[in-house]
Protein backbone atom coordinates (compact mmCIF):
# COMPACT_ATOMS: atom_id res chain seq x y z
CA UNK A 1 0.34 -0.07 0.25
CA UNK A 2 2.65 2.31 0.84
CA UNK A 3 4.62 1.82 -2.25
CA UNK A 4 0.88 2.70 -4.32
CA UNK A 5 0.87 6.12 -2.07
CA UNK A 6 4.25 6.94 -2.69
CA UNK A 7 3.40 7.07 -6.55
CA UNK A 8 0.46 8.60 -6.44
CA UNK A 9 1.88 11.28 -4.73
CA UNK A 10 5.24 11.09 -6.60
CA UNK A 11 2.84 12.01 -9.20
CA UNK A 12 1.36 15.26 -7.83
CA UNK A 13 1.89 18.63 -9.63
CA UNK A 14 0.83 21.13 -7.08
CA UNK A 15 1.14 22.29 -3.79
CA UNK A 16 -1.61 23.39 -1.45
CA UNK A 17 -1.94 26.19 0.20
CA UNK A 18 -5.24 25.58 2.44
CA UNK A 19 -7.00 22.34 2.04
CA UNK A 20 -6.47 18.87 2.53
CA UNK A 21 -5.97 16.49 -0.74
CA UNK A 22 -7.53 13.61 -0.56
CA UNK A 23 -8.25 10.04 -2.61
CA UNK A 24 -11.82 9.40 -1.55
CA UNK A 25 -12.62 5.74 -1.24
CA UNK A 26 -16.12 4.04 -2.16
CA UNK A 27 -19.16 5.57 -0.27
CA UNK A 28 -19.93 2.46 2.35
CA UNK A 29 -24.07 1.80 2.26
CA UNK A 30 -25.74 2.17 5.69
CA UNK A 31 -28.67 0.35 7.22
CA UNK A 32 -31.66 3.54 8.35
CA UNK A 33 -35.29 2.77 8.84
CA UNK A 34 -37.94 5.11 7.12
CA UNK A 35 -41.36 5.28 8.28
CA UNK A 36 -44.04 6.04 5.66
CA UNK A 37 -47.60 7.18 5.36
CA UNK A 38 -49.80 4.97 3.06
CA UNK A 39 -53.33 5.92 2.37
CA UNK A 40 -56.20 3.66 3.60
CA UNK A 41 -58.48 4.82 1.21
CA UNK A 42 -61.08 5.61 4.12
CA UNK A 43 -62.21 9.15 5.24
CA UNK A 44 -62.91 10.37 8.72
CA UNK A 45 -63.86 14.18 10.05
CA UNK A 46 -61.53 15.95 11.74
CA UNK A 47 -62.50 16.93 15.28
CA UNK A 48 -60.89 20.11 15.56
CA UNK A 49 -62.23 21.69 12.11
CA UNK A 50 -64.81 19.66 11.29
CA UNK A 51 -63.39 18.80 7.72
CA UNK A 52 -63.19 15.42 6.30
CA UNK A 53 -59.48 13.96 6.14
CA UNK A 54 -57.79 10.75 4.86
CA UNK A 55 -57.19 7.80 7.46
CA UNK A 56 -53.37 6.17 6.85
CA UNK A 57 -51.99 3.87 8.33
CA UNK A 58 -47.87 4.16 9.36
CA UNK A 59 -45.42 1.52 7.33
CA UNK A 60 -41.82 1.31 8.47
CA UNK A 61 -39.30 0.15 6.30
CA UNK A 62 -35.52 -0.38 6.48
CA UNK A 63 -33.16 0.14 3.63
CA UNK A 64 -29.62 0.54 2.47
CA UNK A 65 -28.54 4.01 1.64
CA UNK A 66 -25.26 5.52 1.00
CA UNK A 67 -23.46 7.21 4.35
CA UNK A 68 -23.64 10.64 5.02
CA UNK A 69 -19.66 10.68 5.56
CA UNK A 70 -17.22 9.39 3.75
CA UNK A 71 -13.68 8.04 4.25
CA UNK A 72 -10.30 9.15 2.48
CA UNK A 73 -6.96 8.79 2.46
CA UNK A 74 -5.06 12.06 3.10
CA UNK A 75 -2.45 12.61 0.15
CA UNK A 76 -1.32 16.03 0.77
CA UNK A 77 -1.07 18.44 3.79
CA UNK A 78 -0.48 22.36 3.16
CA UNK A 79 2.96 23.21 5.27
CA UNK A 80 2.25 24.75 8.43
CA UNK A 81 -0.93 23.11 8.99
CA UNK A 82 -1.47 21.59 12.63
CA UNK A 83 -3.72 18.36 12.69
CA UNK A 84 -3.61 14.58 14.22
CA UNK A 85 -3.28 13.07 10.93
CA UNK A 86 -0.81 12.30 8.50
CA UNK A 87 -0.09 11.32 4.94
CA UNK A 88 -1.64 8.09 4.22
CA UNK A 89 -4.10 8.37 6.95
CA UNK A 90 -7.64 7.38 6.36
CA UNK A 91 -9.89 10.24 7.22
CA UNK A 92 -13.72 10.48 7.71
CA UNK A 93 -15.38 13.95 6.54
CA UNK A 94 -18.99 14.98 5.57
CA UNK A 95 -19.20 13.78 1.95
CA UNK A 96 -21.11 16.76 1.05
CA UNK A 97 -18.39 18.92 2.30
CA UNK A 98 -15.74 18.17 0.17
CA UNK A 99 -15.00 19.19 -3.53
CA UNK A 100 -13.23 17.47 -6.36
CA UNK A 101 -10.06 18.64 -7.61
CA UNK A 102 -10.30 17.45 -11.30
CA UNK A 103 -7.06 18.31 -12.46
CA UNK A 104 -5.69 15.36 -10.36
CA UNK A 105 -7.42 12.39 -11.11
CA UNK A 106 -9.81 10.91 -7.99
CA UNK A 107 -8.69 13.20 -6.04
CA UNK A 108 -10.95 15.74 -3.15
CA UNK A 109 -10.30 18.69 -1.36
CA UNK A 110 -11.76 19.07 1.96
CA UNK A 111 -10.82 21.79 4.54
CA UNK A 112 -8.98 21.03 7.47
CA UNK A 113 -12.10 21.77 10.04
CA UNK A 114 -14.32 19.44 7.84
CA UNK A 115 -12.45 16.17 9.06
CA UNK A 116 -14.11 14.69 11.51
CA UNK A 117 -12.26 11.59 12.43
CA UNK A 118 -9.11 9.32 11.87
CA UNK A 119 -10.66 5.81 10.96
CA UNK A 120 -7.84 2.98 12.96
CA UNK A 121 -9.61 -0.46 12.62
CA UNK A 122 -9.12 -2.42 15.18
CA UNK A 123 -7.02 -5.56 14.82
CA UNK A 124 -7.92 -8.89 15.44
CA UNK A 125 -5.60 -9.07 18.78
CA UNK A 126 -7.54 -5.98 20.52
């Protein structure tokens, strides 16, 4: 992995001043529960207004959706930036806060204050 990272970083022709350059990883899927209203086809009288209103049943369903957060590998940190991670670390950020840097293939830029975590997977011994 370190050889691949070094090859990618060596191909970088830009020096950034304020944003972190990352290689985004695949967006993960998470399971979420959604509640929806299903019309019954029946009507009733609203006790407050006296109007006729549609009756509904509540239906809960579980769906797999894209996660709000995404992981990425740090490719470049601007000089003088104070942070708890280094080039090569996997960080977590809200995917809505990153922008694609289309001048360098498959890369994104993110502000340091938008990074919410460093991903440190547990090893089998832990």
